Amino acid sequence: ADAYCNRGNSKRKTNDNKGAIMDYSNAIELNPKDPRLLYWRGLAQQNLKDYKKAIQDYTKAIDLAPKHAQTYSARAMSKFLSGDSAGACIDWGKALELGDKTAYDEIQKNCK
């Protein structure tokens, strides 16, 4: 799982998001309880503007690690970009509560 994860991270960082998703998916099959894998696959999905799949991955990651603030922020952005402003604001609020200071700016900018 680690090898797929590392390769997926490298691919995502070089904008090979489809390749990254394949590698993360393989890693998730081998280690389905690792929330980082779902988070990173969600980022790759979001980069491809597949917000529905990104939200699904972030939600699964949150189920496994409910105190990871960055996952809430990432899900908020996917919700916002898909037109769910209310859901995004709720997630940014939770991210802020968990310590993600960048969520404050998003709330100020997008949640009126």
PDB file of N, CA and C in Angstrom:
ATOM      1  N   ALA A   1       0.826  -1.194   0.000  1.00  0.00           N
ATOM      2  CA  ALA A   1       0.000   0.000   0.000  1.00  0.00           C
ATOM      3  C   ALA A   1       0.870   1.257   0.000  1.00  0.00           C
ATOM      4  N   ASP A   2       1.977   1.219   0.742  1.00  0.00           N
ATOM      5  CA  ASP A   2       2.848   2.394   0.813  1.00  0.00           C
ATOM      6  C   ASP A   2       3.435   2.747  -0.554  1.00  0.00           C
ATOM      7  N   ALA A   3       3.819   1.739  -1.312  1.00  0.00           N
ATOM      8  CA  ALA A   3       4.401   2.009  -2.631  1.00  0.00           C
ATOM      9  C   ALA A   3       3.373   2.667  -3.554  1.00  0.00           C
ATOM     10  N   TYR A   4       2.146   2.145  -3.561  1.00  0.00           N
ATOM     11  CA  TYR A   4       1.092   2.777  -4.365  1.00  0.00           C
ATOM     12  C   TYR A   4       0.826   4.197  -3.882  1.00  0.00           C
ATOM     13  N   CYS A   5       0.802   4.380  -2.574  1.00  0.00           N
ATOM     14  CA  CYS A   5       0.554   5.696  -1.992  1.00  0.00           C
ATOM     15  C   CYS A   5       1.628   6.690  -2.426  1.00  0.00           C
ATOM     16  N   ASN A   6       2.880   6.311  -2.283  1.00  0.00           N
ATOM     17  CA  ASN A   6       3.980   7.195  -2.650  1.00  0.00           C
ATOM     18  C   ASN A   6       3.954   7.542  -4.130  1.00  0.00           C
ATOM     19  N   ARG A   7       3.685   6.544  -4.959  1.00  0.00           N
ATOM     20  CA  ARG A   7       3.615   6.798  -6.394  1.00  0.00           C
ATOM     21  C   ARG A   7       2.416   7.695  -6.716  1.00  0.00           C
ATOM     22  N   GLY A   8       1.297   7.462  -6.028  1.00  0.00           N
ATOM     23  CA  GLY A   8       0.120   8.304  -6.217  1.00  0.00           C
ATOM     24  C   GLY A   8       0.402   9.751  -5.852  1.00  0.00           C
ATOM     25  N   ASN A   9       1.099   9.967  -4.739  1.00  0.00           N
ATOM     26  CA  ASN A   9       1.455  11.329  -4.340  1.00  0.00           C
ATOM     27  C   ASN A   9       2.335  11.996  -5.389  1.00  0.00           C
ATOM     28  N   SER A  10       3.300  11.252  -5.919  1.00  0.00           N
ATOM     29  CA  SER A  10       4.175  11.809  -6.958  1.00  0.00           C
ATOM     30  C   SER A  10       3.372  12.166  -8.209  1.00  0.00           C
ATOM     31  N   LYS A  11       2.476  11.286  -8.594  1.00  0.00           N
ATOM     32  CA  LYS A  11       1.665  11.555  -9.786  1.00  0.00           C
ATOM     33  C   LYS A  11       0.752  12.757  -9.575  1.00  0.00           C
ATOM     34  N   ARG A  12       0.148  12.855  -8.404  1.00  0.00           N
ATOM     35  CA  ARG A  12      -0.753  13.988  -8.130  1.00  0.00           C
ATOM     36  C   ARG A  12       0.024  15.296  -8.174  1.00  0.00           C
ATOM     37  N   LYS A  13       1.232  15.296  -7.633  1.00  0.00           N
ATOM     38  CA  LYS A  13       2.041  16.513  -7.603  1.00  0.00           C
ATOM     39  C   LYS A  13       2.503  16.942  -8.988  1.00  0.00           C
ATOM     40  N   THR A  14       2.501  16.009  -9.940  1.00  0.00           N
ATOM     41  CA  THR A  14       2.867  16.352 -11.319  1.00  0.00           C
ATOM     42  C   THR A  14       1.631  16.425 -12.216  1.00  0.00           C
ATOM     43  N   ASN A  15       0.480  16.569 -11.606  1.00  0.00           N
ATOM     44  CA  ASN A  15      -0.812  16.734 -12.298  1.00  0.00           C
ATOM     45  C   ASN A  15      -1.261  15.518 -13.098  1.00  0.00           C
ATOM     46  N   ASP A  16      -0.719  14.345 -12.784  1.00  0.00           N
ATOM     47  CA  ASP A  16      -1.243  13.102 -13.366  1.00  0.00           C
ATOM     48  C   ASP A  16      -2.296  12.577 -12.393  1.00  0.00           C
ATOM     49  N   ASN A  17      -3.417  13.289 -12.335  1.00  0.00           N
ATOM     50  CA  ASN A  17      -4.447  12.954 -11.355  1.00  0.00           C
ATOM     51  C   ASN A  17      -5.126  11.623 -11.646  1.00  0.00           C
ATOM     52  N   LYS A  18      -5.319  11.285 -12.914  1.00  0.00           N
ATOM     53  CA  LYS A  18      -5.924   9.986 -13.245  1.00  0.00           C
ATOM     54  C   LYS A  18      -5.027   8.845 -12.793  1.00  0.00           C
ATOM     55  N   GLY A  19      -3.730   8.977 -13.033  1.00  0.00           N
ATOM     56  CA  GLY A  19      -2.779   7.964 -12.573  1.00  0.00           C
ATOM     57  C   GLY A  19      -2.734   7.893 -11.057  1.00  0.00           C
ATOM     58  N   ALA A  20      -2.804   9.051 -10.411  1.00  0.00           N
ATOM     59  CA  ALA A  20      -2.801   9.095  -8.951  1.00  0.00           C
ATOM     60  C   ALA A  20      -4.019   8.378  -8.389  1.00  0.00           C
ATOM     61  N   ILE A  21      -5.166   8.601  -8.998  1.00  0.00           N
ATOM     62  CA  ILE A  21      -6.399   7.950  -8.531  1.00  0.00           C
ATOM     63  C   ILE A  21      -6.276   6.439  -8.635  1.00  0.00           C
ATOM     64  N   MET A  22      -5.690   5.958  -9.729  1.00  0.00           N
ATOM     65  CA  MET A  22      -5.504   4.507  -9.876  1.00  0.00           C
ATOM     66  C   MET A  22      -4.599   3.964  -8.771  1.00  0.00           C
ATOM     67  N   ASP A  23      -3.505   4.663  -8.498  1.00  0.00           N
ATOM     68  CA  ASP A  23      -2.586   4.208  -7.455  1.00  0.00           C
ATOM     69  C   ASP A  23      -3.230   4.275  -6.071  1.00  0.00           C
ATOM     70  N   TYR A  24      -3.916   5.367  -5.772  1.00  0.00           N
ATOM     71  CA  TYR A  24      -4.599   5.466  -4.475  1.00  0.00           C
ATOM     72  C   TYR A  24      -5.657   4.382  -4.331  1.00  0.00           C
ATOM     73  N   SER A  25      -6.370   4.095  -5.411  1.00  0.00           N
ATOM     74  CA  SER A  25      -7.401   3.048  -5.364  1.00  0.00           C
ATOM     75  C   SER A  25      -6.781   1.696  -5.043  1.00  0.00           C
ATOM     76  N   ASN A  26      -5.634   1.409  -5.644  1.00  0.00           N
ATOM     77  CA  ASN A  26      -4.927   0.159  -5.338  1.00  0.00           C
ATOM     78  C   ASN A  26      -4.481   0.136  -3.879  1.00  0.00           C
ATOM     79  N   ALA A  27      -3.987   1.261  -3.388  1.00  0.00           N
ATOM     80  CA  ALA A  27      -3.554   1.337  -1.994  1.00  0.00           C
ATOM     81  C   ALA A  27      -4.748   1.163  -1.046  1.00  0.00           C
ATOM     82  N   ILE A  28      -5.884   1.759  -1.398  1.00  0.00           N
ATOM     83  CA  ILE A  28      -7.087   1.650  -0.566  1.00  0.00           C
ATOM     84  C   ILE A  28      -7.576   0.205  -0.508  1.00  0.00           C
ATOM     85  N   GLU A  29      -7.458  -0.518  -1.625  1.00  0.00           N
ATOM     86  CA  GLU A  29      -7.834  -1.940  -1.609  1.00  0.00           C
ATOM     87  C   GLU A  29      -6.989  -2.707  -0.601  1.00  0.00           C
ATOM     88  N   LEU A  30      -5.710  -2.353  -0.498  1.00  0.00           N
ATOM     89  CA  LEU A  30      -4.803  -3.042   0.411  1.00  0.00           C
ATOM     90  C   LEU A  30      -4.908  -2.547   1.844  1.00  0.00           C
ATOM     91  N   ASN A  31      -5.320  -1.290   2.020  1.00  0.00           N
ATOM     92  CA  ASN A  31      -5.382  -0.690   3.353  1.00  0.00           C
ATOM     93  C   ASN A  31      -6.601   0.239   3.434  1.00  0.00           C
ATOM     94  N   PRO A  32      -7.795  -0.335   3.499  1.00  0.00           N
ATOM     95  CA  PRO A  32      -9.018   0.472   3.438  1.00  0.00           C
ATOM     96  C   PRO A  32      -9.282   1.338   4.670  1.00  0.00           C
ATOM     97  N   LYS A  33      -8.539   1.159   5.728  1.00  0.00           N
ATOM     98  CA  LYS A  33      -8.766   1.924   6.964  1.00  0.00           C
ATOM     99  C   LYS A  33      -7.846   3.143   7.093  1.00  0.00           C
ATOM    100  N   ASP A  34      -7.053   3.440   6.056  1.00  0.00           N
ATOM    101  CA  ASP A  34      -6.136   4.579   6.108  1.00  0.00           C
ATOM    102  C   ASP A  34      -6.824   5.815   5.533  1.00  0.00           C
ATOM    103  N   PRO A  35      -7.223   6.766   6.383  1.00  0.00           N
ATOM    104  CA  PRO A  35      -7.959   7.933   5.898  1.00  0.00           C
ATOM    105  C   PRO A  35      -7.139   8.832   4.980  1.00  0.00           C
ATOM    106  N   ARG A  36      -5.816   8.779   5.112  1.00  0.00           N
ATOM    107  CA  ARG A  36      -4.968   9.616   4.255  1.00  0.00           C
ATOM    108  C   ARG A  36      -5.134   9.247   2.786  1.00  0.00           C
ATOM    109  N   LEU A  37      -5.271   7.974   2.523  1.00  0.00           N
ATOM    110  CA  LEU A  37      -5.417   7.523   1.140  1.00  0.00           C
ATOM    111  C   LEU A  37      -6.698   8.075   0.517  1.00  0.00           C
ATOM    112  N   LEU A  38      -7.765   8.061   1.288  1.00  0.00           N
ATOM    113  CA  LEU A  38      -9.038   8.609   0.807  1.00  0.00           C
ATOM    114  C   LEU A  38      -8.950  10.122   0.626  1.00  0.00           C
ATOM    115  N   TYR A  39      -8.282  10.792   1.553  1.00  0.00           N
ATOM    116  CA  TYR A  39      -8.082  12.239   1.455  1.00  0.00           C
ATOM    117  C   TYR A  39      -7.319  12.583   0.180  1.00  0.00           C
ATOM    118  N   TRP A  40      -6.203  11.902  -0.039  1.00  0.00           N
ATOM    119  CA  TRP A  40      -5.388  12.199  -1.215  1.00  0.00           C
ATOM    120  C   TRP A  40      -6.106  11.848  -2.510  1.00  0.00           C
ATOM    121  N   ARG A  41      -6.841  10.740  -2.515  1.00  0.00           N
ATOM    122  CA  ARG A  41      -7.615  10.417  -3.720  1.00  0.00           C
ATOM    123  C   ARG A  41      -8.682  11.481  -3.939  1.00  0.00           C
ATOM    124  N   GLY A  42      -9.274  11.969  -2.854  1.00  0.00           N
ATOM    125  CA  GLY A  42     -10.237  13.058  -2.956  1.00  0.00           C
ATOM    126  C   GLY A  42      -9.619  14.302  -3.584  1.00  0.00           C
ATOM    127  N   LEU A  43      -8.393  14.631  -3.185  1.00  0.00           N
ATOM    128  CA  LEU A  43      -7.713  15.779  -3.788  1.00  0.00           C
ATOM    129  C   LEU A  43      -7.536  15.590  -5.291  1.00  0.00           C
ATOM    130  N   ALA A  44      -7.146  14.382  -5.692  1.00  0.00           N
ATOM    131  CA  ALA A  44      -6.977  14.108  -7.124  1.00  0.00           C
ATOM    132  C   ALA A  44      -8.318  14.203  -7.852  1.00  0.00           C
ATOM    133  N   GLN A  45      -9.374  13.676  -7.244  1.00  0.00           N
ATOM    134  CA  GLN A  45     -10.714  13.780  -7.843  1.00  0.00           C
ATOM    135  C   GLN A  45     -11.108  15.253  -7.985  1.00  0.00           C
ATOM    136  N   GLN A  46     -10.841  16.029  -6.950  1.00  0.00           N
ATOM    137  CA  GLN A  46     -11.170  17.449  -6.971  1.00  0.00           C
ATOM    138  C   GLN A  46     -10.390  18.164  -8.073  1.00  0.00           C
ATOM    139  N   ASN A  47      -9.118  17.816  -8.247  1.00  0.00           N
ATOM    140  CA  ASN A  47      -8.304  18.421  -9.308  1.00  0.00           C
ATOM    141  C   ASN A  47      -8.903  18.154 -10.685  1.00  0.00           C
ATOM    142  N   LEU A  48      -9.584  17.023 -10.827  1.00  0.00           N
ATOM    143  CA  LEU A  48     -10.238  16.669 -12.095  1.00  0.00           C
ATOM    144  C   LEU A  48     -11.663  17.215 -12.180  1.00  0.00           C
ATOM    145  N   LYS A  49     -12.053  17.996 -11.168  1.00  0.00           N
ATOM    146  CA  LYS A  49     -13.386  18.586 -11.088  1.00  0.00           C
ATOM    147  C   LYS A  49     -14.492  17.536 -10.952  1.00  0.00           C
ATOM    148  N   ASP A  50     -14.149  16.364 -10.439  1.00  0.00           N
ATOM    149  CA  ASP A  50     -15.146  15.340 -10.140  1.00  0.00           C
ATOM    150  C   ASP A  50     -15.502  15.494  -8.666  1.00  0.00           C
ATOM    151  N   TYR A  51     -16.286  16.529  -8.396  1.00  0.00           N
ATOM    152  CA  TYR A  51     -16.574  16.912  -7.013  1.00  0.00           C
ATOM    153  C   TYR A  51     -17.394  15.863  -6.277  1.00  0.00           C
ATOM    154  N   LYS A  52     -18.279  15.188  -6.982  1.00  0.00           N
ATOM    155  CA  LYS A  52     -19.101  14.165  -6.334  1.00  0.00           C
ATOM    156  C   LYS A  52     -18.225  13.050  -5.761  1.00  0.00           C
ATOM    157  N   LYS A  53     -17.285  12.547  -6.563  1.00  0.00           N
ATOM    158  CA  LYS A  53     -16.393  11.489  -6.072  1.00  0.00           C
ATOM    159  C   LYS A  53     -15.455  12.015  -4.994  1.00  0.00           C
ATOM    160  N   ALA A  54     -15.006  13.260  -5.141  1.00  0.00           N
ATOM    161  CA  ALA A  54     -14.138  13.849  -4.122  1.00  0.00           C
ATOM    162  C   ALA A  54     -14.872  13.914  -2.782  1.00  0.00           C
ATOM    163  N   ILE A  55     -16.115  14.383  -2.816  1.00  0.00           N
ATOM    164  CA  ILE A  55     -16.912  14.481  -1.590  1.00  0.00           C
ATOM    165  C   ILE A  55     -17.099  13.101  -0.967  1.00  0.00           C
ATOM    166  N   GLN A  56     -17.337  12.088  -1.793  1.00  0.00           N
ATOM    167  CA  GLN A  56     -17.485  10.724  -1.270  1.00  0.00           C
ATOM    168  C   GLN A  56     -16.210  10.268  -0.570  1.00  0.00           C
ATOM    169  N   ASP A  57     -15.055  10.523  -1.188  1.00  0.00           N
ATOM    170  CA  ASP A  57     -13.788  10.125  -0.566  1.00  0.00           C
ATOM    171  C   ASP A  57     -13.534  10.898   0.720  1.00  0.00           C
ATOM    172  N   TYR A  58     -13.773  12.201   0.698  1.00  0.00           N
ATOM    173  CA  TYR A  58     -13.566  12.998   1.913  1.00  0.00           C
ATOM    174  C   TYR A  58     -14.489  12.539   3.036  1.00  0.00           C
ATOM    175  N   THR A  59     -15.728  12.209   2.693  1.00  0.00           N
ATOM    176  CA  THR A  59     -16.680  11.756   3.711  1.00  0.00           C
ATOM    177  C   THR A  59     -16.210  10.450   4.346  1.00  0.00           C
ATOM    178  N   LYS A  60     -15.720   9.523   3.530  1.00  0.00           N
ATOM    179  CA  LYS A  60     -15.187   8.267   4.072  1.00  0.00           C
ATOM    180  C   LYS A  60     -13.969   8.532   4.949  1.00  0.00           C
ATOM    181  N   ALA A  61     -13.116   9.469   4.521  1.00  0.00           N
ATOM    182  CA  ALA A  61     -11.926   9.805   5.309  1.00  0.00           C
ATOM    183  C   ALA A  61     -12.338  10.409   6.655  1.00  0.00           C
ATOM    184  N   ILE A  62     -13.357  11.267   6.643  1.00  0.00           N
ATOM    185  CA  ILE A  62     -13.848  11.871   7.884  1.00  0.00           C
ATOM    186  C   ILE A  62     -14.435  10.807   8.807  1.00  0.00           C
ATOM    187  N   ASP A  63     -15.118   9.820   8.235  1.00  0.00           N
ATOM    188  CA  ASP A  63     -15.648   8.730   9.055  1.00  0.00           C
ATOM    189  C   ASP A  63     -14.519   8.006   9.795  1.00  0.00           C
ATOM    190  N   LEU A  64     -13.363   7.881   9.138  1.00  0.00           N
ATOM    191  CA  LEU A  64     -12.217   7.182   9.736  1.00  0.00           C
ATOM    192  C   LEU A  64     -11.391   8.081  10.651  1.00  0.00           C
ATOM    193  N   ALA A  65     -11.364   9.382  10.355  1.00  0.00           N
ATOM    194  CA  ALA A  65     -10.548  10.327  11.144  1.00  0.00           C
ATOM    195  C   ALA A  65     -11.342  11.629  11.306  1.00  0.00           C
ATOM    196  N   PRO A  66     -12.307  11.633  12.222  1.00  0.00           N
ATOM    197  CA  PRO A  66     -13.227  12.768  12.335  1.00  0.00           C
ATOM    198  C   PRO A  66     -12.613  14.059  12.868  1.00  0.00           C
ATOM    199  N   LYS A  67     -11.357  14.048  13.257  1.00  0.00           N
ATOM    200  CA  LYS A  67     -10.738  15.267  13.784  1.00  0.00           C
ATOM    201  C   LYS A  67      -9.693  15.856  12.839  1.00  0.00           C
ATOM    202  N   HIS A  68      -9.666  15.402  11.584  1.00  0.00           N
ATOM    203  CA  HIS A  68      -8.699  15.914  10.611  1.00  0.00           C
ATOM    204  C   HIS A  68      -9.290  17.139   9.908  1.00  0.00           C
ATOM    205  N   ALA A  69      -8.883  18.311  10.372  1.00  0.00           N
ATOM    206  CA  ALA A  69      -9.472  19.574   9.913  1.00  0.00           C
ATOM    207  C   ALA A  69      -9.321  19.788   8.407  1.00  0.00           C
ATOM    208  N   GLN A  70      -8.176  19.421   7.848  1.00  0.00           N
ATOM    209  CA  GLN A  70      -7.946  19.668   6.430  1.00  0.00           C
ATOM    210  C   GLN A  70      -8.913  18.887   5.541  1.00  0.00           C
ATOM    211  N   THR A  71      -9.372  17.743   6.005  1.00  0.00           N
ATOM    212  CA  THR A  71     -10.335  16.980   5.209  1.00  0.00           C
ATOM    213  C   THR A  71     -11.662  17.722   5.146  1.00  0.00           C
ATOM    214  N   TYR A  72     -12.065  18.324   6.256  1.00  0.00           N
ATOM    215  CA  TYR A  72     -13.289  19.130   6.236  1.00  0.00           C
ATOM    216  C   TYR A  72     -13.145  20.306   5.282  1.00  0.00           C
ATOM    217  N   SER A  73     -11.991  20.964   5.299  1.00  0.00           N
ATOM    218  CA  SER A  73     -11.771  22.097   4.394  1.00  0.00           C
ATOM    219  C   SER A  73     -11.783  21.661   2.935  1.00  0.00           C
ATOM    220  N   ALA A  74     -11.160  20.537   2.664  1.00  0.00           N
ATOM    221  CA  ALA A  74     -11.141  20.032   1.290  1.00  0.00           C
ATOM    222  C   ALA A  74     -12.555  19.666   0.834  1.00  0.00           C
ATOM    223  N   ARG A  75     -13.306  19.001   1.711  1.00  0.00           N
ATOM    224  CA  ARG A  75     -14.686  18.656   1.350  1.00  0.00           C
ATOM    225  C   ARG A  75     -15.514  19.921   1.158  1.00  0.00           C
ATOM    226  N   ALA A  76     -15.276  20.914   2.001  1.00  0.00           N
ATOM    227  CA  ALA A  76     -15.989  22.183   1.864  1.00  0.00           C
ATOM    228  C   ALA A  76     -15.750  22.789   0.488  1.00  0.00           C
ATOM    229  N   MET A  77     -14.503  22.771   0.039  1.00  0.00           N
ATOM    230  CA  MET A  77     -14.198  23.353  -1.272  1.00  0.00           C
ATOM    231  C   MET A  77     -14.900  22.585  -2.391  1.00  0.00           C
ATOM    232  N   SER A  78     -14.907  21.259  -2.308  1.00  0.00           N
ATOM    233  CA  SER A  78     -15.620  20.477  -3.331  1.00  0.00           C
ATOM    234  C   SER A  78     -17.116  20.778  -3.294  1.00  0.00           C
ATOM    235  N   LYS A  79     -17.668  20.890  -2.101  1.00  0.00           N
ATOM    236  CA  LYS A  79     -19.091  21.235  -1.986  1.00  0.00           C
ATOM    237  C   LYS A  79     -19.351  22.608  -2.581  1.00  0.00           C
ATOM    238  N   PHE A  80     -18.492  23.566  -2.248  1.00  0.00           N
ATOM    239  CA  PHE A  80     -18.663  24.925  -2.755  1.00  0.00           C
ATOM    240  C   PHE A  80     -18.592  24.954  -4.276  1.00  0.00           C
ATOM    241  N   LEU A  81     -17.590  24.288  -4.834  1.00  0.00           N
ATOM    242  CA  LEU A  81     -17.411  24.282  -6.294  1.00  0.00           C
ATOM    243  C   LEU A  81     -18.520  23.534  -7.016  1.00  0.00           C
ATOM    244  N   SER A  82     -19.209  22.637  -6.304  1.00  0.00           N
ATOM    245  CA  SER A  82     -20.327  21.913  -6.920  1.00  0.00           C
ATOM    246  C   SER A  82     -21.662  22.608  -6.681  1.00  0.00           C
ATOM    247  N   GLY A  83     -21.633  23.760  -6.003  1.00  0.00           N
ATOM    248  CA  GLY A  83     -22.842  24.540  -5.822  1.00  0.00           C
ATOM    249  C   GLY A  83     -23.522  24.398  -4.470  1.00  0.00           C
ATOM    250  N   ASP A  84     -22.944  23.633  -3.571  1.00  0.00           N
ATOM    251  CA  ASP A  84     -23.531  23.444  -2.238  1.00  0.00           C
ATOM    252  C   ASP A  84     -22.865  24.398  -1.243  1.00  0.00           C
ATOM    253  N   SER A  85     -23.213  25.676  -1.341  1.00  0.00           N
ATOM    254  CA  SER A  85     -22.591  26.682  -0.474  1.00  0.00           C
ATOM    255  C   SER A  85     -22.912  26.445   0.993  1.00  0.00           C
ATOM    256  N   ALA A  86     -24.152  26.083   1.291  1.00  0.00           N
ATOM    257  CA  ALA A  86     -24.540  25.856   2.687  1.00  0.00           C
ATOM    258  C   ALA A  86     -23.732  24.714   3.301  1.00  0.00           C
ATOM    259  N   GLY A  87     -23.610  23.612   2.580  1.00  0.00           N
ATOM    260  CA  GLY A  87     -22.820  22.479   3.064  1.00  0.00           C
ATOM    261  C   GLY A  87     -21.357  22.835   3.214  1.00  0.00           C
ATOM    262  N   ALA A  88     -20.848  23.644   2.284  1.00  0.00           N
ATOM    263  CA  ALA A  88     -19.455  24.077   2.360  1.00  0.00           C
ATOM    264  C   ALA A  88     -19.218  24.900   3.610  1.00  0.00           C
ATOM    265  N   CYS A  89     -20.130  25.802   3.911  1.00  0.00           N
ATOM    266  CA  CYS A  89     -19.960  26.666   5.088  1.00  0.00           C
ATOM    267  C   CYS A  89     -19.991  25.864   6.386  1.00  0.00           C
ATOM    268  N   ILE A  90     -20.824  24.840   6.427  1.00  0.00           N
ATOM    269  CA  ILE A  90     -20.852  23.964   7.602  1.00  0.00           C
ATOM    270  C   ILE A  90     -19.500  23.270   7.771  1.00  0.00           C
ATOM    271  N   ASP A  91     -18.960  22.744   6.664  1.00  0.00           N
ATOM    272  CA  ASP A  91     -17.669  22.048   6.734  1.00  0.00           C
ATOM    273  C   ASP A  91     -16.532  23.004   7.087  1.00  0.00           C
ATOM    274  N   TRP A  92     -16.533  24.212   6.531  1.00  0.00           N
ATOM    275  CA  TRP A  92     -15.492  25.173   6.896  1.00  0.00           C
ATOM    276  C   TRP A  92     -15.595  25.539   8.368  1.00  0.00           C
ATOM    277  N   GLY A  93     -16.815  25.629   8.879  1.00  0.00           N
ATOM    278  CA  GLY A  93     -16.998  25.894  10.305  1.00  0.00           C
ATOM    279  C   GLY A  93     -16.394  24.796  11.162  1.00  0.00           C
ATOM    280  N   LYS A  94     -16.613  23.544  10.759  1.00  0.00           N
ATOM    281  CA  LYS A  94     -16.047  22.409  11.500  1.00  0.00           C
ATOM    282  C   LYS A  94     -14.520  22.409  11.394  1.00  0.00           C
ATOM    283  N   ALA A  95     -14.000  22.722  10.203  1.00  0.00           N
ATOM    284  CA  ALA A  95     -12.549  22.781  10.016  1.00  0.00           C
ATOM    285  C   ALA A  95     -11.932  23.844  10.919  1.00  0.00           C
ATOM    286  N   LEU A  96     -12.586  24.990  10.993  1.00  0.00           N
ATOM    287  CA  LEU A  96     -12.100  26.063  11.859  1.00  0.00           C
ATOM    288  C   LEU A  96     -12.122  25.626  13.324  1.00  0.00           C
ATOM    289  N   GLU A  97     -13.214  24.989  13.720  1.00  0.00           N
ATOM    290  CA  GLU A  97     -13.349  24.479  15.091  1.00  0.00           C
ATOM    291  C   GLU A  97     -12.226  23.504  15.435  1.00  0.00           C
ATOM    292  N   LEU A  98     -11.781  22.728  14.428  1.00  0.00           N
ATOM    293  CA  LEU A  98     -10.721  21.742  14.642  1.00  0.00           C
ATOM    294  C   LEU A  98      -9.314  22.323  14.474  1.00  0.00           C
ATOM    295  N   GLY A  99      -9.236  23.635  14.164  1.00  0.00           N
ATOM    296  CA  GLY A  99      -7.934  24.275  14.135  1.00  0.00           C
ATOM    297  C   GLY A  99      -7.395  24.690  12.782  1.00  0.00           C
ATOM    298  N   ASP A 100      -8.153  24.536  11.713  1.00  0.00           N
ATOM    299  CA  ASP A 100      -7.679  24.953  10.395  1.00  0.00           C
ATOM    300  C   ASP A 100      -7.937  26.450  10.232  1.00  0.00           C
ATOM    301  N   LYS A 101      -6.887  27.246  10.408  1.00  0.00           N
ATOM    302  CA  LYS A 101      -7.013  28.707  10.371  1.00  0.00           C
ATOM    303  C   LYS A 101      -7.406  29.227   8.982  1.00  0.00           C
ATOM    304  N   THR A 102      -7.060  28.488   7.923  1.00  0.00           N
ATOM    305  CA  THR A 102      -7.406  28.945   6.572  1.00  0.00           C
ATOM    306  C   THR A 102      -8.921  28.900   6.341  1.00  0.00           C
ATOM    307  N   ALA A 103      -9.620  28.101   7.114  1.00  0.00           N
ATOM    308  CA  ALA A 103     -11.074  28.009   6.970  1.00  0.00           C
ATOM    309  C   ALA A 103     -11.735  29.340   7.295  1.00  0.00           C
ATOM    310  N   TYR A 104     -11.138  30.117   8.187  1.00  0.00           N
ATOM    311  CA  TYR A 104     -11.694  31.421   8.559  1.00  0.00           C
ATOM    312  C   TYR A 104     -11.825  32.325   7.329  1.00  0.00           C
ATOM    313  N   ASP A 105     -10.768  32.369   6.503  1.00  0.00           N
ATOM    314  CA  ASP A 105     -10.802  33.202   5.299  1.00  0.00           C
ATOM    315  C   ASP A 105     -11.883  32.742   4.331  1.00  0.00           C
ATOM    316  N   GLU A 106     -12.041  31.432   4.186  1.00  0.00           N
ATOM    317  CA  GLU A 106     -13.072  30.911   3.289  1.00  0.00           C
ATOM    318  C   GLU A 106     -14.464  31.263   3.800  1.00  0.00           C
ATOM    319  N   ILE A 107     -14.650  31.188   5.103  1.00  0.00           N
ATOM    320  CA  ILE A 107     -15.942  31.555   5.699  1.00  0.00           C
ATOM    321  C   ILE A 107     -16.214  33.033   5.441  1.00  0.00           C
ATOM    322  N   GLN A 108     -15.220  33.880   5.651  1.00  0.00           N
ATOM    323  CA  GLN A 108     -15.404  35.319   5.451  1.00  0.00           C
ATOM    324  C   GLN A 108     -15.725  35.640   3.984  1.00  0.00           C
ATOM    325  N   LYS A 109     -15.078  34.912   3.079  1.00  0.00           N
ATOM    326  CA  LYS A 109     -15.233  35.168   1.651  1.00  0.00           C
ATOM    327  C   LYS A 109     -16.517  34.575   1.076  1.00  0.00           C
ATOM    328  N   ASN A 110     -16.915  33.398   1.561  1.00  0.00           N
ATOM    329  CA  ASN A 110     -17.979  32.632   0.886  1.00  0.00           C
ATOM    330  C   ASN A 110     -19.249  32.380   1.696  1.00  0.00           C
ATOM    331  N   CYS A 111     -19.236  32.687   2.979  1.00  0.00           N
ATOM    332  CA  CYS A 111     -20.377  32.344   3.836  1.00  0.00           C
ATOM    333  C   CYS A 111     -20.949  33.619   4.444  1.00  0.00           C
ATOM    334  N   LYS A 112     -21.917  34.170   3.782  1.00  0.00           N
ATOM    335  CA  LYS A 112     -22.497  35.441   4.255  1.00  0.00           C
ATOM    336  C   LYS A 112     -23.850  35.219   4.874  1.00  0.00           C
TER     337      LYS A 112
END
